[in-house]
């Protein structure tokens, strides 16, 4: 991948459409219209022109030219807004492919060039990827907050403060033979402790941003005939699972994708757990236990009308960990006695109860104290970097600033590097391939 090449790709989804956009970026972008017998417009202007090959009309397209560095990639960029038929695009791409110095772009290469030309930092790149992949408004708003510097701002300030603190430590190293004024060390330690506290406060977010971005898996588990499939159908608003009075109806895991308070949630309806089961049902139970182990939220559903529901909860405790929510279902058939205060009593046949359950799941997924705030941390990568910075600063405070300032300075340098990796201000080459490969070819 080299910026000497002029790259091109279709930036709109494949298939028949009214309009398709062909993006071209690189030193020869302004020459692209001439390949089709058309003139390139002035920078920042559109031009309607017919595209030709061998004297035959291919299409009538709207051509846009943006001159470096005032473009999305920081290079010369030409866009041709063509009609979106496979015949038009096939001929356009073929002509571009045959032209010297032009080649088809790799996945994410347009965005990578924007990053290399300082049009976006690493957080902006990740935010753009999240905008493209957003399923819910909350994901979309969070992605734009990331692009607009919601995390970049504090990270840049922390890194600036770290560099200032590290420079004071370097002064201690240079003048090691001189006595250090007491107030200098006190101030240095206080400022470092404040920085540690600020980073810790940001990380104490119960992973709200990551849950919004990545989504949440909720597993409905419990004994046979507890009403798990009815609950799934109620949450989905459609008949996603077969409902029957016959035990063991659900043999495999059935899933539906929902938007709960802006968080993409996958609800899993699992096979009922019981001891006496055939070979096929036993495999379903095995998958149920595996799903419960890997789910973000486990909801235990039991039949409140059954006389042994308390024993069923106790027995299931040997198969699964402590559930995040216990549902006593079918209360319309009989109110349970001595129900735990934390358990939710519902009838899956009632729309109002399903609505209450949806709201309860929303509070479990993202607690109320985080639900109305915009998350700073949206990826595991961000959290790991902040944890490393926090640990390095904490380790730095353990050193004797008089006798071993160079050890503290090294810890501070490690902390600054960790913060720099978040925005891409230090060497992050190992991250680039992974990040940009998630983009489509035309982005």
Protein backbone atom coordinates (compact mmCIF):
# COMPACT_ATOMS: atom_id res chain seq x y z
CA UNK A 1 0.00 0.00 0.00
CA UNK A 2 1.66 3.20 -1.17
CA UNK A 3 0.43 6.79 -1.56
CA UNK A 4 2.26 7.01 -4.91
CA UNK A 5 -0.59 5.00 -6.45
CA UNK A 6 -3.89 6.57 -7.36
CA UNK A 7 -6.59 4.38 -5.85
CA UNK A 8 -10.24 3.99 -6.80
CA UNK A 9 -13.29 2.08 -5.57
CA UNK A 10 -17.06 2.13 -5.57
CA UNK A 11 -18.06 3.90 -2.35
CA UNK A 12 -21.73 2.86 -2.46
CA UNK A 13 -23.20 -0.61 -1.78
CA UNK A 14 -23.09 -3.12 -4.64
CA UNK A 15 -26.19 -3.91 -6.64
CA UNK A 16 -28.67 -2.07 -8.84
CA UNK A 17 -29.26 1.52 -7.70
CA UNK A 18 -30.11 4.96 -8.99
CA UNK A 19 -26.71 6.42 -8.15
CA UNK A 20 -23.30 4.89 -7.48
CA UNK A 21 -20.23 6.87 -6.41
CA UNK A 22 -16.76 5.99 -7.68
CA UNK A 23 -14.06 7.56 -5.47
CA UNK A 24 -10.56 8.24 -6.77
CA UNK A 25 -7.70 9.51 -4.60
CA UNK A 26 -4.05 10.12 -5.39
CA UNK A 27 -1.68 12.15 -7.56
CA UNK A 28 -3.45 11.27 -10.83
CA UNK A 29 -7.03 11.79 -9.60
CA UNK A 30 -7.49 14.95 -11.69
CA UNK A 31 -6.61 12.94 -14.81
CA UNK A 32 -9.36 10.35 -14.26
CA UNK A 33 -12.17 12.19 -16.12
CA UNK A 34 -9.95 12.46 -19.22
CA UNK A 35 -9.88 8.65 -19.40
CA UNK A 36 -13.58 8.91 -20.28
CA UNK A 37 -13.30 11.89 -22.63
CA UNK A 38 -14.47 14.37 -19.99
CA UNK A 39 -12.82 17.43 -18.51
CA UNK A 40 -12.04 17.65 -14.80
CA UNK A 41 -13.90 20.49 -13.05
CA UNK A 42 -12.15 23.18 -11.02
CA UNK A 43 -11.32 22.34 -7.42
CA UNK A 44 -14.42 22.41 -5.22
CA UNK A 45 -16.83 22.37 -8.15
CA UNK A 46 -19.21 19.86 -9.78
CA UNK A 47 -19.55 19.24 -13.49
CA UNK A 48 -22.10 17.19 -15.43
CA UNK A 49 -20.43 15.29 -18.25
CA UNK A 50 -20.90 12.28 -20.48
CA UNK A 51 -18.46 9.41 -20.12
CA UNK A 52 -17.24 7.65 -23.27
CA UNK A 53 -15.25 4.59 -24.24
CA UNK A 54 -14.27 3.83 -27.84
CA UNK A 55 -16.66 6.52 -29.00
CA UNK A 56 -19.63 4.95 -27.21
CA UNK A 57 -21.52 6.63 -24.37
CA UNK A 58 -21.15 4.86 -21.02
CA UNK A 59 -23.10 7.23 -18.82
CA UNK A 60 -23.83 10.83 -17.91
CA UNK A 61 -22.21 11.49 -14.54
CA UNK A 62 -21.74 14.26 -12.02
CA UNK A 63 -18.00 14.80 -11.49
CA UNK A 64 -16.53 16.45 -8.37
CA UNK A 65 -12.88 17.38 -7.84
CA UNK A 66 -11.19 18.29 -4.53
CA UNK A 67 -7.58 19.42 -4.54
CA UNK A 68 -5.05 18.42 -1.87
CA UNK A 69 -4.86 19.09 0.99
CA UNK A 70 -8.50 20.25 1.11
CA UNK A 71 -10.05 16.84 0.64
CA UNK A 72 -11.22 13.93 2.76
CA UNK A 73 -7.95 12.01 2.27
CA UNK A 74 -5.57 14.97 2.11
CA UNK A 75 -4.78 14.04 -1.51
CA UNK A 76 -6.34 15.05 -4.82
CA UNK A 77 -9.78 13.39 -4.87
CA UNK A 78 -12.18 12.96 -7.79
CA UNK A 79 -15.65 11.49 -7.45
CA UNK A 80 -17.85 10.33 -10.31
CA UNK A 81 -21.54 10.03 -9.42
CA UNK A 82 -22.78 7.55 -12.02
CA UNK A 83 -25.98 5.60 -12.51
CA UNK A 84 -25.76 2.44 -10.45
CA UNK A 85 -26.13 -0.31 -13.02
CA UNK A 86 -23.64 -3.18 -13.12
CA UNK A 87 -22.91 -2.38 -16.79
CA UNK A 88 -21.93 1.24 -16.05
CA UNK A 89 -19.81 0.41 -13.03
CA UNK A 90 -18.17 -2.53 -14.75
CA UNK A 91 -16.97 -0.36 -17.65
CA UNK A 92 -15.88 2.52 -15.39
CA UNK A 93 -13.83 0.24 -13.13
CA UNK A 94 -12.34 -1.59 -16.11
CA UNK A 95 -11.11 1.63 -17.71
CA UNK A 96 -9.63 2.87 -14.44
CA UNK A 97 -7.93 -0.50 -13.84
CA UNK A 98 -6.24 -0.36 -17.24
CA UNK A 99 -4.89 3.17 -16.73
CA UNK A 100 -1.21 3.45 -15.67
CA UNK A 101 -0.78 4.49 -12.02
CA UNK A 102 -4.33 3.54 -11.03
CA UNK A 103 -5.32 0.55 -8.91
CA UNK A 104 -8.29 -0.73 -6.93
CA UNK A 105 -8.17 0.41 -3.30
CA UNK A 106 -7.62 -1.98 -0.44
CA UNK A 107 -10.16 -2.21 2.39
CA UNK A 108 -10.16 1.03 4.37
CA UNK A 109 -7.38 2.58 2.30
CA UNK A 110 -9.18 5.90 1.76
CA UNK A 111 -9.58 6.31 5.52
CA UNK A 112 -6.01 5.15 6.11
CA UNK A 113 -4.74 7.88 3.80
CA UNK A 114 -6.86 10.40 5.70
CA UNK A 115 -5.16 9.20 8.89
CA UNK A 116 -1.69 9.39 7.35
CA UNK A 117 -2.39 12.97 6.19
CA UNK A 118 -3.65 14.00 9.66
CA UNK A 119 -7.25 14.41 8.58
CA UNK A 120 -8.29 11.99 11.33
CA UNK A 121 -6.59 10.63 14.41
CA UNK A 122 -6.99 7.02 15.46
CA UNK A 123 -10.06 7.78 17.59
CA UNK A 124 -11.64 9.57 14.64
CA UNK A 125 -10.95 6.56 12.42
CA UNK A 126 -12.58 4.21 14.92
CA UNK A 127 -15.50 6.59 15.35
CA UNK A 128 -16.03 6.66 11.59
CA UNK A 129 -16.07 2.85 11.49
CA UNK A 130 -18.66 2.91 14.28
CA UNK A 131 -20.82 5.42 12.36
CA UNK A 132 -20.86 3.04 9.39
CA UNK A 133 -21.76 0.04 11.57
CA UNK A 134 -24.28 1.82 13.84
CA UNK A 135 -27.61 0.02 14.29
CA UNK A 136 -29.21 2.32 16.88
CA UNK A 137 -29.35 6.11 17.39
CA UNK A 138 -27.41 5.74 20.64
CA UNK A 139 -24.58 3.96 18.83
CA UNK A 140 -24.60 6.68 16.19
CA UNK A 141 -24.47 9.53 18.71
CA UNK A 142 -21.69 7.81 20.62
CA UNK A 143 -19.69 7.32 17.42
CA UNK A 144 -19.96 11.00 16.49
CA UNK A 145 -18.95 12.00 20.02
CA UNK A 146 -15.82 9.92 19.49
CA UNK A 147 -15.12 11.59 16.14
CA UNK A 148 -15.62 15.03 17.70
CA UNK A 149 -13.02 14.38 20.38
CA UNK A 150 -14.98 13.32 23.44
CA UNK A 151 -12.12 11.03 24.51
CA UNK A 152 -9.39 12.81 22.56
CA UNK A 153 -9.77 15.97 24.69
CA UNK A 154 -9.04 14.46 28.12
CA UNK A 155 -6.38 12.09 26.76
CA UNK A 156 -4.53 15.01 25.15
CA UNK A 157 -4.69 16.99 28.42
CA UNK A 158 -3.47 14.03 30.46
CA UNK A 159 -0.61 13.43 28.07
CA UNK A 160 0.37 17.09 28.20
CA UNK A 161 0.31 17.00 32.01
CA UNK A 162 2.35 13.79 31.95
CA UNK A 163 5.03 15.35 29.77
CA UNK A 164 5.24 18.32 32.13
CA UNK A 165 5.58 15.99 35.14
CA UNK A 166 8.17 13.87 33.36
CA UNK A 167 10.24 16.98 32.57
CA UNK A 168 10.40 17.74 36.29
CA UNK A 169 11.63 14.21 36.94
CA UNK A 170 14.26 14.63 34.23
CA UNK A 171 15.45 17.75 36.06
CA UNK A 172 15.89 15.65 39.20
CA UNK A 173 18.05 13.24 37.23
CA UNK A 174 20.18 16.07 35.77
CA UNK A 175 20.70 17.68 39.19
CA UNK A 176 20.85 14.52 41.30
CA UNK A 177 23.66 15.88 43.50
CA UNK A 178 21.63 18.85 44.65
CA UNK A 179 19.03 18.80 47.37
CA UNK A 180 15.49 18.84 46.09
CA UNK A 181 13.19 21.44 47.66
CA UNK A 182 10.49 19.68 49.61
CA UNK A 183 7.66 21.56 47.93
CA UNK A 184 8.80 20.36 44.47
CA UNK A 185 8.42 16.69 45.36
CA UNK A 186 5.14 17.33 47.18
CA UNK A 187 3.68 19.16 44.19
CA UNK A 188 4.91 16.47 41.82
CA UNK A 189 3.28 13.71 43.85
CA UNK A 190 0.02 15.63 44.29
CA UNK A 191 -0.29 16.34 40.57
CA UNK A 192 0.44 12.70 39.75
CA UNK A 193 -2.14 11.49 42.27
CA UNK A 194 -4.72 13.85 40.75
CA UNK A 195 -3.95 12.49 37.29
CA UNK A 196 -4.35 8.92 38.54
CA UNK A 197 -7.68 9.85 40.11
CA UNK A 198 -8.95 11.43 36.88
CA UNK A 199 -8.09 8.35 34.82
CA UNK A 200 -9.64 6.04 37.41
CA UNK A 201 -12.87 8.06 37.37
CA UNK A 202 -13.14 7.71 33.59
CA UNK A 203 -12.61 3.94 33.78
CA UNK A 204 -15.30 3.58 36.44
CA UNK A 205 -18.06 3.55 33.83
CA UNK A 206 -19.25 -0.07 34.10
CA UNK A 207 -18.28 -0.56 30.44
CA UNK A 208 -21.29 1.45 29.28
CA UNK A 209 -19.64 2.68 26.08
CA UNK A 210 -18.40 -0.76 25.09
CA UNK A 211 -21.83 -2.26 25.73
CA UNK A 212 -23.47 0.34 23.48
CA UNK A 213 -20.93 -0.22 20.72
CA UNK A 214 -20.59 -4.02 20.87
CA UNK A 215 -24.10 -4.94 21.96
CA UNK A 216 -25.22 -7.30 24.70
CA UNK A 217 -26.19 -10.97 24.71
CA UNK A 218 -29.05 -11.95 27.04
CA UNK A 219 -29.68 -15.66 27.62
CA UNK A 220 -33.09 -16.87 28.79
CA UNK A 221 -32.50 -20.09 30.73
CA UNK A 222 -34.64 -22.25 32.97
CA UNK A 223 -36.55 -25.52 33.20
CA UNK A 224 -38.83 -26.82 30.46
CA UNK A 225 -42.24 -25.20 30.01
CA UNK A 226 -41.28 -22.14 32.05
CA UNK A 227 -42.38 -19.80 29.23
CA UNK A 228 -38.99 -18.72 27.84
CA UNK A 229 -40.17 -18.91 24.23
CA UNK A 230 -43.30 -16.91 25.03
CA UNK A 231 -41.13 -14.23 26.63
CA UNK A 232 -38.85 -14.20 23.58
CA UNK A 233 -41.84 -13.80 21.24
CA UNK A 234 -43.21 -11.02 23.44
CA UNK A 235 -39.92 -9.12 23.42
CA UNK A 236 -39.53 -9.62 19.66
CA UNK A 237 -43.13 -8.65 18.93
CA UNK A 238 -43.51 -11.65 16.66
CA UNK A 239 -43.61 -15.46 16.73
CA UNK A 240 -39.86 -16.08 16.61
CA UNK A 241 -40.00 -19.31 18.62
CA UNK A 242 -42.44 -22.23 18.61
CA UNK A 243 -44.55 -22.28 21.74
CA UNK A 244 -46.03 -25.56 22.98
CA UNK A 245 -47.13 -27.22 26.20
CA UNK A 246 -45.00 -30.22 25.26
CA UNK A 247 -41.77 -30.33 27.28
CA UNK A 248 -38.57 -29.96 25.30
CA UNK A 249 -40.09 -28.07 22.33
CA UNK A 250 -37.05 -25.79 22.06
CA UNK A 251 -34.11 -28.01 21.08
CA UNK A 252 -31.69 -25.41 19.70
CA UNK A 253 -30.89 -21.81 20.55
CA UNK A 254 -33.16 -19.23 18.91
CA UNK A 255 -32.05 -15.60 18.83
CA UNK A 256 -33.63 -12.24 18.06
CA UNK A 257 -31.94 -8.84 17.75
CA UNK A 258 -33.55 -5.92 19.60
CA UNK A 259 -32.89 -2.28 20.35
CA UNK A 260 -33.26 -1.77 24.11
CA UNK A 261 -32.67 1.84 25.15
CA UNK A 262 -30.29 2.32 22.24
CA UNK A 263 -28.24 -0.80 22.93
CA UNK A 264 -28.26 -3.66 20.38
CA UNK A 265 -29.35 -6.70 22.37
CA UNK A 266 -29.39 -10.32 21.21
CA UNK A 267 -31.94 -12.36 23.17
CA UNK A 268 -31.28 -16.11 23.25
CA UNK A 269 -34.11 -18.56 23.85
CA UNK A 270 -32.47 -21.76 25.07
CA UNK A 271 -33.53 -25.34 25.58
CA UNK A 272 -35.20 -26.11 28.90
CA UNK A 273 -32.93 -27.77 31.45
CA UNK A 274 -34.02 -31.10 32.89
CA UNK A 275 -32.35 -34.35 33.90
CA UNK A 276 -34.41 -36.79 31.81
CA UNK A 277 -33.75 -35.92 28.17
CA UNK A 278 -33.08 -37.74 24.92
CA UNK A 279 -29.86 -37.45 22.96
CA UNK A 280 -30.99 -34.50 20.83
CA UNK A 281 -32.51 -32.61 23.75
CA UNK A 282 -29.38 -33.29 25.81
CA UNK A 283 -27.31 -31.55 23.13
CA UNK A 284 -29.70 -28.59 23.34
CA UNK A 285 -29.21 -28.46 27.10
CA UNK A 286 -25.44 -28.54 26.66
CA UNK A 287 -25.71 -25.56 24.31
CA UNK A 288 -27.94 -23.81 26.85
CA UNK A 289 -25.31 -24.10 29.58
CA UNK A 290 -22.62 -22.90 27.18
CA UNK A 291 -24.74 -19.89 26.19
CA UNK A 292 -25.35 -19.04 29.86
CA UNK A 293 -21.62 -19.16 30.51
CA UNK A 294 -20.77 -16.73 27.70
CA UNK A 295 -23.79 -14.39 27.83
CA UNK A 296 -23.46 -10.86 29.21
CA UNK A 297 -26.78 -11.17 31.06
CA UNK A 298 -28.43 -14.38 32.28
CA UNK A 299 -32.17 -14.35 32.96
CA UNK A 300 -33.52 -17.36 34.85
CA UNK A 301 -37.19 -18.09 34.07
CA UNK A 302 -39.30 -20.46 36.17
CA UNK A 303 -42.99 -21.33 36.25
CA UNK A 304 -44.42 -19.52 39.27
CA UNK A 305 -47.58 -21.61 39.09
CA UNK A 306 -45.61 -24.82 39.65
CA UNK A 307 -45.44 -26.03 43.23
CA UNK A 308 -41.71 -26.80 43.01
CA UNK A 309 -40.43 -23.53 41.49
CA UNK A 310 -38.19 -22.87 44.49
CA UNK A 311 -36.57 -26.31 44.15
CA UNK A 312 -36.05 -25.67 40.42
CA UNK A 313 -34.17 -22.44 41.17
CA UNK A 314 -32.00 -24.27 43.70
CA UNK A 315 -31.29 -27.15 41.30
CA UNK A 316 -30.43 -24.82 38.41
CA UNK A 317 -27.92 -23.11 40.67
CA UNK A 318 -25.73 -26.16 40.20
CA UNK A 319 -25.71 -25.67 36.42
CA UNK A 320 -25.40 -21.89 36.00
CA UNK A 321 -23.83 -19.03 37.91
CA UNK A 322 -25.84 -16.48 39.83
CA UNK A 323 -28.38 -15.08 37.33
CA UNK A 324 -28.66 -11.35 36.73
CA UNK A 325 -32.45 -11.56 36.91
CA UNK A 326 -34.95 -14.17 38.13
CA UNK A 327 -38.37 -14.16 36.48
CA UNK A 328 -41.36 -15.87 38.05
CA UNK A 329 -43.56 -16.36 34.99
CA UNK A 330 -47.22 -17.38 34.64
CA UNK A 331 -48.39 -15.46 37.72
CA UNK A 332 -51.78 -15.24 36.00
CA UNK A 333 -52.14 -18.97 36.75
CA UNK A 334 -51.25 -18.65 40.40
CA UNK A 335 -49.42 -16.14 42.55
CA UNK A 336 -46.22 -17.58 44.07
CA UNK A 337 -45.77 -17.71 47.83
CA UNK A 338 -42.63 -16.37 49.47
CA UNK A 339 -41.28 -14.90 46.22
CA UNK A 340 -37.83 -13.30 46.54
CA UNK A 341 -38.00 -9.51 46.61
CA UNK A 342 -35.50 -9.18 43.77
CA UNK A 343 -37.43 -11.57 41.50
CA UNK A 344 -39.69 -10.17 38.79
CA UNK A 345 -43.22 -11.57 38.67
CA UNK A 346 -44.85 -11.45 35.24
CA UNK A 347 -47.25 -13.10 32.87
CA UNK A 348 -45.58 -13.35 29.47
CA UNK A 349 -49.07 -13.25 27.93
CA UNK A 350 -49.54 -9.62 29.04
CA UNK A 351 -48.08 -6.84 26.93
CA UNK A 352 -47.70 -4.57 29.97
CA UNK A 353 -45.54 -7.14 31.74
CA UNK A 354 -43.35 -7.57 28.64
CA UNK A 355 -42.92 -3.78 28.53
CA UNK A 356 -41.89 -3.79 32.21
CA UNK A 357 -39.42 -6.58 31.47
CA UNK A 358 -37.94 -4.61 28.57
CA UNK A 359 -37.40 -1.64 30.90
CA UNK A 360 -35.88 -3.86 33.59
CA UNK A 361 -33.44 -5.33 31.06
CA UNK A 362 -32.49 -1.81 30.00
CA UNK A 363 -31.55 -0.93 33.59
CA UNK A 364 -29.51 -4.11 33.95
CA UNK A 365 -27.64 -3.61 30.68
CA UNK A 366 -26.68 0.00 31.40
CA UNK A 367 -27.27 1.15 34.97
CA UNK A 368 -29.29 4.31 35.48
CA UNK A 369 -26.27 6.37 36.58
CA UNK A 370 -24.61 5.69 33.21
CA UNK A 371 -27.64 5.67 30.93
CA UNK A 372 -27.84 9.45 30.42
CA UNK A 373 -24.10 10.10 29.98
CA UNK A 374 -21.96 9.91 26.87
CA UNK A 375 -19.26 7.30 27.29
CA UNK A 376 -15.60 8.20 26.87
CA UNK A 377 -14.39 4.62 26.47
CA UNK A 378 -16.00 2.74 23.59
CA UNK A 379 -13.46 0.00 22.83
CA UNK A 380 -11.45 -2.54 24.78
CA UNK A 381 -8.31 -1.01 23.24
CA UNK A 382 -9.03 2.32 24.92
CA UNK A 383 -9.60 0.68 28.30
CA UNK A 384 -6.40 -1.37 28.14
CA UNK A 385 -4.37 1.73 27.30
CA UNK A 386 -5.89 3.70 30.17
CA UNK A 387 -5.30 0.79 32.55
CA UNK A 388 -1.65 0.67 31.50
CA UNK A 389 -1.29 4.42 32.02
CA UNK A 390 -2.96 4.17 35.43
CA UNK A 391 -0.72 1.26 36.50
CA UNK A 392 2.45 2.98 35.27
CA UNK A 393 1.67 6.20 37.12
CA UNK A 394 0.80 4.29 40.29
CA UNK A 395 4.11 2.43 40.02
CA UNK A 396 5.93 5.71 39.46
CA UNK A 397 4.71 7.06 42.80
CA UNK A 398 6.26 4.09 44.60
CA UNK A 399 9.80 5.18 43.73
CA UNK A 400 12.08 7.43 45.76
CA UNK A 401 12.27 10.64 43.74
CA UNK A 402 15.59 11.55 45.39
CA UNK A 403 17.47 8.28 44.97
CA UNK A 404 15.77 6.72 41.94
CA UNK A 405 14.16 9.47 39.83
CA UNK A 406 15.11 7.65 36.62
CA UNK A 407 12.85 4.72 37.58
CA UNK A 408 9.90 7.03 38.15
CA UNK A 409 10.67 8.82 34.88
CA UNK A 410 10.54 5.52 32.99
CA UNK A 411 7.13 4.70 34.47
CA UNK A 412 5.89 8.14 33.49
CA UNK A 413 7.23 7.62 29.96
CA UNK A 414 5.36 4.30 29.73
CA UNK A 415 2.17 6.05 30.87
CA UNK A 416 2.58 8.78 28.24
CA UNK A 417 3.15 6.16 25.52
CA UNK A 418 0.00 4.29 26.58
CA UNK A 419 -2.07 7.48 26.26
CA UNK A 420 -0.43 8.29 22.93
CA UNK A 421 -1.48 4.94 21.51
CA UNK A 422 -5.13 5.86 22.06
CA UNK A 423 -4.98 8.74 19.58
CA UNK A 424 -2.15 7.41 17.40
CA UNK A 425 0.40 10.01 18.54
CA UNK A 426 3.00 7.27 19.01
CA UNK A 427 3.87 4.24 16.90
CA UNK A 428 0.69 2.22 16.44
CA UNK A 429 1.56 0.41 13.23
CA UNK A 430 0.55 -2.93 14.69
CA UNK A 431 -3.00 -1.61 15.16
CA UNK A 432 -3.52 -0.11 11.73
CA UNK A 433 -4.00 -3.29 9.72
CA UNK A 434 -6.63 -4.57 12.13
CA UNK A 435 -8.53 -1.28 12.30
CA UNK A 436 -8.62 -0.44 8.61
CA UNK A 437 -9.43 -3.97 7.50
CA UNK A 438 -12.86 -3.57 9.08
CA UNK A 439 -13.78 -0.89 6.53
CA UNK A 440 -15.38 -1.57 3.18
CA UNK A 441 -13.29 -1.20 0.01
CA UNK A 442 -14.68 2.22 -0.91
CA UNK A 443 -13.98 3.72 2.52
